[in-house]
Amino acid sequence: MDKNKIHIQLVWGALLVLMGIAFFFQIPQAMARIVSIESSTLEIGFVYFCLYLIDLGLLVGGVKKLYANYMLLKKTDAADDNIT
């Protein structure tokens, strides 16, 4: 893979992690608005579960993308050093 693409993927992974962190702190504020709508406790619990599951997906996906592309970048740099 081209180094520019790897760098773009690293930035994308970092943005996913940052968005996951921001979303984690936003969930309680969003839930306060959602709770104000009359609904059952089961529905509120399900919404909590879904929001935290989405957040977990953002965090894990971002960390996985960062790790994989960082290792790919290291391997590409090592290959470039061996060529020259």
PDB file of N, CA and C in Angstrom:
ATOM      1  N   MET A   1       0.856  -1.175   0.000  1.00  0.00           N
ATOM      2  CA  MET A   1       0.000   0.000   0.000  1.00  0.00           C
ATOM      3  C   MET A   1       0.902   1.239   0.000  1.00  0.00           C
ATOM      4  N   ASP A   2       0.455   2.256  -0.673  1.00  0.00           N
ATOM      5  CA  ASP A   2       1.190   3.514  -0.756  1.00  0.00           C
ATOM      6  C   ASP A   2       1.252   4.185   0.627  1.00  0.00           C
ATOM      7  N   LYS A   3       2.383   4.843   0.914  1.00  0.00           N
ATOM      8  CA  LYS A   3       2.544   5.483   2.224  1.00  0.00           C
ATOM      9  C   LYS A   3       1.505   6.561   2.466  1.00  0.00           C
ATOM     10  N   ASN A   4       1.099   7.279   1.420  1.00  0.00           N
ATOM     11  CA  ASN A   4       0.074   8.322   1.594  1.00  0.00           C
ATOM     12  C   ASN A   4      -1.252   7.708   2.034  1.00  0.00           C
ATOM     13  N   LYS A   5      -1.595   6.565   1.456  1.00  0.00           N
ATOM     14  CA  LYS A   5      -2.839   5.890   1.857  1.00  0.00           C
ATOM     15  C   LYS A   5      -2.757   5.404   3.300  1.00  0.00           C
ATOM     16  N   ILE A   6      -1.573   4.930   3.686  1.00  0.00           N
ATOM     17  CA  ILE A   6      -1.402   4.467   5.065  1.00  0.00           C
ATOM     18  C   ILE A   6      -1.567   5.637   6.029  1.00  0.00           C
ATOM     19  N   HIS A   7      -0.986   6.783   5.690  1.00  0.00           N
ATOM     20  CA  HIS A   7      -1.124   7.950   6.551  1.00  0.00           C
ATOM     21  C   HIS A   7      -2.584   8.404   6.644  1.00  0.00           C
ATOM     22  N   ILE A   8      -3.298   8.350   5.541  1.00  0.00           N
ATOM     23  CA  ILE A   8      -4.727   8.711   5.562  1.00  0.00           C
ATOM     24  C   ILE A   8      -5.498   7.745   6.454  1.00  0.00           C
ATOM     25  N   GLN A   9      -5.177   6.455   6.371  1.00  0.00           N
ATOM     26  CA  GLN A   9      -5.842   5.465   7.219  1.00  0.00           C
ATOM     27  C   GLN A   9      -5.510   5.673   8.694  1.00  0.00           C
ATOM     28  N   LEU A  10      -4.268   6.088   8.986  1.00  0.00           N
ATOM     29  CA  LEU A  10      -3.900   6.383  10.368  1.00  0.00           C
ATOM     30  C   LEU A  10      -4.702   7.571  10.907  1.00  0.00           C
ATOM     31  N   VAL A  11      -4.853   8.594  10.090  1.00  0.00           N
ATOM     32  CA  VAL A  11      -5.649   9.759  10.502  1.00  0.00           C
ATOM     33  C   VAL A  11      -7.103   9.348  10.702  1.00  0.00           C
ATOM     34  N   TRP A  12      -7.622   8.520   9.795  1.00  0.00           N
ATOM     35  CA  TRP A  12      -9.010   8.052   9.904  1.00  0.00           C
ATOM     36  C   TRP A  12      -9.205   7.246  11.197  1.00  0.00           C
ATOM     37  N   GLY A  13      -8.238   6.397  11.529  1.00  0.00           N
ATOM     38  CA  GLY A  13      -8.321   5.629  12.769  1.00  0.00           C
ATOM     39  C   GLY A  13      -8.296   6.522  13.989  1.00  0.00           C
ATOM     40  N   ALA A  14      -7.437   7.538  13.963  1.00  0.00           N
ATOM     41  CA  ALA A  14      -7.373   8.478  15.089  1.00  0.00           C
ATOM     42  C   ALA A  14      -8.687   9.233  15.232  1.00  0.00           C
ATOM     43  N   LEU A  15      -9.289   9.608  14.111  1.00  0.00           N
ATOM     44  CA  LEU A  15     -10.574  10.308  14.166  1.00  0.00           C
ATOM     45  C   LEU A  15     -11.677   9.404  14.719  1.00  0.00           C
ATOM     46  N   LEU A  16     -11.645   8.126  14.373  1.00  0.00           N
ATOM     47  CA  LEU A  16     -12.630   7.187  14.923  1.00  0.00           C
ATOM     48  C   LEU A  16     -12.491   7.084  16.441  1.00  0.00           C
ATOM     49  N   VAL A  17     -11.254   7.003  16.917  1.00  0.00           N
ATOM     50  CA  VAL A  17     -11.030   6.916  18.364  1.00  0.00           C
ATOM     51  C   VAL A  17     -11.497   8.199  19.043  1.00  0.00           C
ATOM     52  N   LEU A  18     -11.145   9.351  18.478  1.00  0.00           N
ATOM     53  CA  LEU A  18     -11.572  10.618  19.073  1.00  0.00           C
ATOM     54  C   LEU A  18     -13.096  10.746  19.076  1.00  0.00           C
ATOM     55  N   MET A  19     -13.734  10.306  18.001  1.00  0.00           N
ATOM     56  CA  MET A  19     -15.192  10.362  17.947  1.00  0.00           C
ATOM     57  C   MET A  19     -15.808   9.416  18.980  1.00  0.00           C
ATOM     58  N   GLY A  20     -15.197   8.253  19.172  1.00  0.00           N
ATOM     59  CA  GLY A  20     -15.677   7.318  20.194  1.00  0.00           C
ATOM     60  C   GLY A  20     -15.574   7.903  21.590  1.00  0.00           C
ATOM     61  N   ILE A  21     -14.465   8.600  21.867  1.00  0.00           N
ATOM     62  CA  ILE A  21     -14.300   9.237  23.178  1.00  0.00           C
ATOM     63  C   ILE A  21     -15.326  10.353  23.358  1.00  0.00           C
ATOM     64  N   ALA A  22     -15.497  11.182  22.333  1.00  0.00           N
ATOM     65  CA  ALA A  22     -16.461  12.284  22.419  1.00  0.00           C
ATOM     66  C   ALA A  22     -17.884  11.742  22.578  1.00  0.00           C
ATOM     67  N   PHE A  23     -18.205  10.681  21.845  1.00  0.00           N
ATOM     68  CA  PHE A  23     -19.538  10.096  21.917  1.00  0.00           C
ATOM     69  C   PHE A  23     -19.796   9.492  23.295  1.00  0.00           C
ATOM     70  N   PHE A  24     -18.744   8.915  23.908  1.00  0.00           N
ATOM     71  CA  PHE A  24     -18.883   8.347  25.245  1.00  0.00           C
ATOM     72  C   PHE A  24     -19.330   9.403  26.250  1.00  0.00           C
ATOM     73  N   PHE A  25     -18.772  10.605  26.145  1.00  0.00           N
ATOM     74  CA  PHE A  25     -19.155  11.674  27.069  1.00  0.00           C
ATOM     75  C   PHE A  25     -20.458  12.349  26.669  1.00  0.00           C
ATOM     76  N   GLN A  26     -20.907  12.151  25.448  1.00  0.00           N
ATOM     77  CA  GLN A  26     -22.153  12.755  24.972  1.00  0.00           C
ATOM     78  C   GLN A  26     -23.371  11.886  25.315  1.00  0.00           C
ATOM     79  N   ILE A  27     -23.172  10.605  25.517  1.00  0.00           N
ATOM     80  CA  ILE A  27     -24.294   9.687  25.749  1.00  0.00           C
ATOM     81  C   ILE A  27     -25.156  10.102  26.944  1.00  0.00           C
ATOM     82  N   PRO A  28     -24.588  10.424  28.118  1.00  0.00           N
ATOM     83  CA  PRO A  28     -25.463  10.811  29.239  1.00  0.00           C
ATOM     84  C   PRO A  28     -26.312  12.046  28.938  1.00  0.00           C
ATOM     85  N   GLN A  29     -25.769  13.007  28.206  1.00  0.00           N
ATOM     86  CA  GLN A  29     -26.543  14.198  27.856  1.00  0.00           C
ATOM     87  C   GLN A  29     -27.676  13.849  26.883  1.00  0.00           C
ATOM     88  N   ALA A  30     -27.375  12.980  25.938  1.00  0.00           N
ATOM     89  CA  ALA A  30     -28.414  12.568  24.998  1.00  0.00           C
ATOM     90  C   ALA A  30     -29.488  11.743  25.702  1.00  0.00           C
ATOM     91  N   MET A  31     -29.072  10.912  26.642  1.00  0.00           N
ATOM     92  CA  MET A  31     -30.040  10.080  27.346  1.00  0.00           C
ATOM     93  C   MET A  31     -30.961  10.917  28.229  1.00  0.00           C
ATOM     94  N   ALA A  32     -30.466  12.030  28.748  1.00  0.00           N
ATOM     95  CA  ALA A  32     -31.334  12.903  29.546  1.00  0.00           C
ATOM     96  C   ALA A  32     -32.491  13.421  28.695  1.00  0.00           C
ATOM     97  N   ARG A  33     -32.199  13.732  27.440  1.00  0.00           N
ATOM     98  CA  ARG A  33     -33.276  14.180  26.540  1.00  0.00           C
ATOM     99  C   ARG A  33     -34.196  13.033  26.163  1.00  0.00           C
ATOM    100  N   ILE A  34     -33.633  11.851  25.970  1.00  0.00           N
ATOM    101  CA  ILE A  34     -34.445  10.699  25.570  1.00  0.00           C
ATOM    102  C   ILE A  34     -35.347  10.251  26.721  1.00  0.00           C
ATOM    103  N   VAL A  35     -34.844  10.308  27.949  1.00  0.00           N
ATOM    104  CA  VAL A  35     -35.628   9.885  29.119  1.00  0.00           C
ATOM    105  C   VAL A  35     -36.828  10.804  29.311  1.00  0.00           C
ATOM    106  N   SER A  36     -36.699  12.069  28.905  1.00  0.00           N
ATOM    107  CA  SER A  36     -37.814  12.999  29.062  1.00  0.00           C
ATOM    108  C   SER A  36     -39.017  12.589  28.204  1.00  0.00           C
ATOM    109  N   ILE A  37     -38.775  11.805  27.173  1.00  0.00           N
ATOM    110  CA  ILE A  37     -39.870  11.255  26.369  1.00  0.00           C
ATOM    111  C   ILE A  37     -40.423  10.061  27.126  1.00  0.00           C
ATOM    112  N   GLU A  38     -41.729  10.016  27.276  1.00  0.00           N
ATOM    113  CA  GLU A  38     -42.317   8.934  28.052  1.00  0.00           C
ATOM    114  C   GLU A  38     -42.161   7.611  27.323  1.00  0.00           C
ATOM    115  N   SER A  39     -41.475   6.687  27.973  1.00  0.00           N
ATOM    116  CA  SER A  39     -41.307   5.344  27.434  1.00  0.00           C
ATOM    117  C   SER A  39     -40.995   4.404  28.593  1.00  0.00           C
ATOM    118  N   SER A  40     -40.989   3.124  28.310  1.00  0.00           N
ATOM    119  CA  SER A  40     -40.781   2.146  29.379  1.00  0.00           C
ATOM    120  C   SER A  40     -39.300   2.040  29.747  1.00  0.00           C
ATOM    121  N   THR A  41     -39.062   1.478  30.899  1.00  0.00           N
ATOM    122  CA  THR A  41     -37.700   1.293  31.388  1.00  0.00           C
ATOM    123  C   THR A  41     -36.924   0.341  30.491  1.00  0.00           C
ATOM    124  N   LEU A  42     -37.596  -0.648  29.949  1.00  0.00           N
ATOM    125  CA  LEU A  42     -36.950  -1.606  29.065  1.00  0.00           C
ATOM    126  C   LEU A  42     -36.436  -0.906  27.801  1.00  0.00           C
ATOM    127  N   GLU A  43     -37.241  -0.006  27.264  1.00  0.00           N
ATOM    128  CA  GLU A  43     -36.817   0.731  26.071  1.00  0.00           C
ATOM    129  C   GLU A  43     -35.619   1.626  26.375  1.00  0.00           C
ATOM    130  N   ILE A  44     -35.616   2.271  27.526  1.00  0.00           N
ATOM    131  CA  ILE A  44     -34.504   3.135  27.912  1.00  0.00           C
ATOM    132  C   ILE A  44     -33.230   2.303  28.070  1.00  0.00           C
ATOM    133  N   GLY A  45     -33.350   1.147  28.686  1.00  0.00           N
ATOM    134  CA  GLY A  45     -32.199   0.260  28.834  1.00  0.00           C
ATOM    135  C   GLY A  45     -31.649  -0.206  27.499  1.00  0.00           C
ATOM    136  N   PHE A  46     -32.552  -0.502  26.573  1.00  0.00           N
ATOM    137  CA  PHE A  46     -32.131  -0.925  25.238  1.00  0.00           C
ATOM    138  C   PHE A  46     -31.418   0.206  24.511  1.00  0.00           C
ATOM    139  N   VAL A  47     -31.900   1.422  24.658  1.00  0.00           N
ATOM    140  CA  VAL A  47     -31.258   2.576  24.022  1.00  0.00           C
ATOM    141  C   VAL A  47     -29.864   2.787  24.608  1.00  0.00           C
ATOM    142  N   TYR A  48     -29.728   2.689  25.930  1.00  0.00           N
ATOM    143  CA  TYR A  48     -28.406   2.773  26.567  1.00  0.00           C
ATOM    144  C   TYR A  48     -27.461   1.721  25.975  1.00  0.00           C
ATOM    145  N   PHE A  49     -27.945   0.485  25.907  1.00  0.00           N
ATOM    146  CA  PHE A  49     -27.132  -0.605  25.382  1.00  0.00           C
ATOM    147  C   PHE A  49     -26.685  -0.316  23.949  1.00  0.00           C
ATOM    148  N   CYS A  50     -27.609   0.132  23.114  1.00  0.00           N
ATOM    149  CA  CYS A  50     -27.282   0.398  21.708  1.00  0.00           C
ATOM    150  C   CYS A  50     -26.270   1.532  21.570  1.00  0.00           C
ATOM    151  N   LEU A  51     -26.453   2.598  22.334  1.00  0.00           N
ATOM    152  CA  LEU A  51     -25.524   3.729  22.233  1.00  0.00           C
ATOM    153  C   LEU A  51     -24.125   3.342  22.690  1.00  0.00           C
ATOM    154  N   TYR A  52     -24.033   2.604  23.776  1.00  0.00           N
ATOM    155  CA  TYR A  52     -22.708   2.176  24.238  1.00  0.00           C
ATOM    156  C   TYR A  52     -22.095   1.132  23.305  1.00  0.00           C
ATOM    157  N   LEU A  53     -22.916   0.323  22.658  1.00  0.00           N
ATOM    158  CA  LEU A  53     -22.405  -0.633  21.681  1.00  0.00           C
ATOM    159  C   LEU A  53     -21.837   0.095  20.460  1.00  0.00           C
ATOM    160  N   ILE A  54     -22.521   1.132  20.008  1.00  0.00           N
ATOM    161  CA  ILE A  54     -22.008   1.951  18.906  1.00  0.00           C
ATOM    162  C   ILE A  54     -20.684   2.594  19.301  1.00  0.00           C
ATOM    163  N   ASP A  55     -20.631   3.099  20.527  1.00  0.00           N
ATOM    164  CA  ASP A  55     -19.409   3.724  21.020  1.00  0.00           C
ATOM    165  C   ASP A  55     -18.267   2.714  21.070  1.00  0.00           C
ATOM    166  N   LEU A  56     -18.541   1.523  21.545  1.00  0.00           N
ATOM    167  CA  LEU A  56     -17.527   0.482  21.593  1.00  0.00           C
ATOM    168  C   LEU A  56     -17.023   0.145  20.187  1.00  0.00           C
ATOM    169  N   GLY A  57     -17.942   0.109  19.230  1.00  0.00           N
ATOM    170  CA  GLY A  57     -17.552  -0.146  17.844  1.00  0.00           C
ATOM    171  C   GLY A  57     -16.638   0.929  17.297  1.00  0.00           C
ATOM    172  N   LEU A  58     -16.928   2.184  17.612  1.00  0.00           N
ATOM    173  CA  LEU A  58     -16.065   3.275  17.175  1.00  0.00           C
ATOM    174  C   LEU A  58     -14.666   3.154  17.772  1.00  0.00           C
ATOM    175  N   LEU A  59     -14.616   2.902  19.067  1.00  0.00           N
ATOM    176  CA  LEU A  59     -13.323   2.812  19.747  1.00  0.00           C
ATOM    177  C   LEU A  59     -12.508   1.609  19.265  1.00  0.00           C
ATOM    178  N   VAL A  60     -13.118   0.449  19.231  1.00  0.00           N
ATOM    179  CA  VAL A  60     -12.393  -0.761  18.836  1.00  0.00           C
ATOM    180  C   VAL A  60     -11.985  -0.684  17.364  1.00  0.00           C
ATOM    181  N   GLY A  61     -12.883  -0.199  16.520  1.00  0.00           N
ATOM    182  CA  GLY A  61     -12.550  -0.059  15.105  1.00  0.00           C
ATOM    183  C   GLY A  61     -11.411   0.912  14.869  1.00  0.00           C
ATOM    184  N   GLY A  62     -11.428   2.023  15.599  1.00  0.00           N
ATOM    185  CA  GLY A  62     -10.362   3.006  15.451  1.00  0.00           C
ATOM    186  C   GLY A  62      -9.027   2.482  15.935  1.00  0.00           C
ATOM    187  N   VAL A  63      -9.022   1.809  17.078  1.00  0.00           N
ATOM    188  CA  VAL A  63      -7.775   1.257  17.612  1.00  0.00           C
ATOM    189  C   VAL A  63      -7.245   0.158  16.692  1.00  0.00           C
ATOM    190  N   LYS A  64      -8.143  -0.666  16.177  1.00  0.00           N
ATOM    191  CA  LYS A  64      -7.728  -1.725  15.260  1.00  0.00           C
ATOM    192  C   LYS A  64      -7.121  -1.135  13.985  1.00  0.00           C
ATOM    193  N   LYS A  65      -7.735  -0.102  13.449  1.00  0.00           N
ATOM    194  CA  LYS A  65      -7.233   0.550  12.249  1.00  0.00           C
ATOM    195  C   LYS A  65      -5.885   1.212  12.514  1.00  0.00           C
ATOM    196  N   LEU A  66      -5.741   1.864  13.664  1.00  0.00           N
ATOM    197  CA  LEU A  66      -4.471   2.479  14.016  1.00  0.00           C
ATOM    198  C   LEU A  66      -3.369   1.426  14.127  1.00  0.00           C
ATOM    199  N   TYR A  67      -3.641   0.357  14.836  1.00  0.00           N
ATOM    200  CA  TYR A  67      -2.639  -0.686  15.049  1.00  0.00           C
ATOM    201  C   TYR A  67      -2.228  -1.329  13.726  1.00  0.00           C
ATOM    202  N   ALA A  68      -3.214  -1.725  12.921  1.00  0.00           N
ATOM    203  CA  ALA A  68      -2.912  -2.416  11.665  1.00  0.00           C
ATOM    204  C   ALA A  68      -2.119  -1.520  10.715  1.00  0.00           C
ATOM    205  N   ASN A  69      -2.511  -0.280  10.593  1.00  0.00           N
ATOM    206  CA  ASN A  69      -1.816   0.606   9.661  1.00  0.00           C
ATOM    207  C   ASN A  69      -0.470   1.060  10.192  1.00  0.00           C
ATOM    208  N   TYR A  70      -0.320   1.161  11.512  1.00  0.00           N
ATOM    209  CA  TYR A  70       0.980   1.491  12.082  1.00  0.00           C
ATOM    210  C   TYR A  70       1.969   0.362  11.802  1.00  0.00           C
ATOM    211  N   MET A  71       1.523  -0.892  11.996  1.00  0.00           N
ATOM    212  CA  MET A  71       2.390  -2.031  11.708  1.00  0.00           C
ATOM    213  C   MET A  71       2.730  -2.092  10.222  1.00  0.00           C
ATOM    214  N   LEU A  72       1.769  -1.788   9.373  1.00  0.00           N
ATOM    215  CA  LEU A  72       2.008  -1.765   7.932  1.00  0.00           C
ATOM    216  C   LEU A  72       3.000  -0.666   7.572  1.00  0.00           C
ATOM    217  N   LEU A  73       2.894   0.467   8.222  1.00  0.00           N
ATOM    218  CA  LEU A  73       3.820   1.574   7.977  1.00  0.00           C
ATOM    219  C   LEU A  73       5.232   1.198   8.427  1.00  0.00           C
ATOM    220  N   LYS A  74       5.340   0.528   9.582  1.00  0.00           N
ATOM    221  CA  LYS A  74       6.657   0.088  10.050  1.00  0.00           C
ATOM    222  C   LYS A  74       7.265  -0.920   9.082  1.00  0.00           C
ATOM    223  N   LYS A  75       6.436  -1.846   8.583  1.00  0.00           N
ATOM    224  CA  LYS A  75       6.933  -2.851   7.645  1.00  0.00           C
ATOM    225  C   LYS A  75       7.357  -2.184   6.331  1.00  0.00           C
ATOM    226  N   THR A  76       6.597  -1.199   5.882  1.00  0.00           N
ATOM    227  CA  THR A  76       6.931  -0.479   4.660  1.00  0.00           C
ATOM    228  C   THR A  76       8.225   0.310   4.834  1.00  0.00           C
ATOM    229  N   ASP A  77       8.393   0.946   5.994  1.00  0.00           N
ATOM    230  CA  ASP A  77       9.624   1.692   6.265  1.00  0.00           C
ATOM    231  C   ASP A  77      10.826   0.754   6.325  1.00  0.00           C
ATOM    232  N   ALA A  78      10.666  -0.416   6.934  1.00  0.00           N
ATOM    233  CA  ALA A  78      11.756  -1.380   7.021  1.00  0.00           C
ATOM    234  C   ALA A  78      12.118  -1.882   5.633  1.00  0.00           C
ATOM    235  N   ALA A  79      11.119  -2.095   4.794  1.00  0.00           N
ATOM    236  CA  ALA A  79      11.385  -2.558   3.423  1.00  0.00           C
ATOM    237  C   ALA A  79      12.094  -1.456   2.634  1.00  0.00           C
ATOM    238  N   ASP A  80      11.703  -0.211   2.841  1.00  0.00           N
ATOM    239  CA  ASP A  80      12.354   0.903   2.161  1.00  0.00           C
ATOM    240  C   ASP A  80      13.805   1.059   2.612  1.00  0.00           C
ATOM    241  N   ASP A  81      14.069   0.807   3.894  1.00  0.00           N
ATOM    242  CA  ASP A  81      15.439   0.880   4.401  1.00  0.00           C
ATOM    243  C   ASP A  81      16.310  -0.220   3.838  1.00  0.00           C
ATOM    244  N   ASN A  82      15.734  -1.391   3.627  1.00  0.00           N
ATOM    245  CA  ASN A  82      16.506  -2.505   3.079  1.00  0.00           C
ATOM    246  C   ASN A  82      16.822  -2.310   1.610  1.00  0.00           C
ATOM    247  N   ILE A  83      15.970  -1.610   0.889  1.00  0.00           N
ATOM    248  CA  ILE A  83      16.179  -1.367  -0.538  1.00  0.00           C
ATOM    249  C   ILE A  83      17.324  -0.401  -0.769  1.00  0.00           C
ATOM    250  N   THR A  84      17.383   0.654   0.044  1.00  0.00           N
ATOM    251  CA  THR A  84      18.420   1.669  -0.171  1.00  0.00           C
ATOM    252  C   THR A  84      19.728   1.294   0.427  1.00  0.00           C
TER     253      THR A  84
END
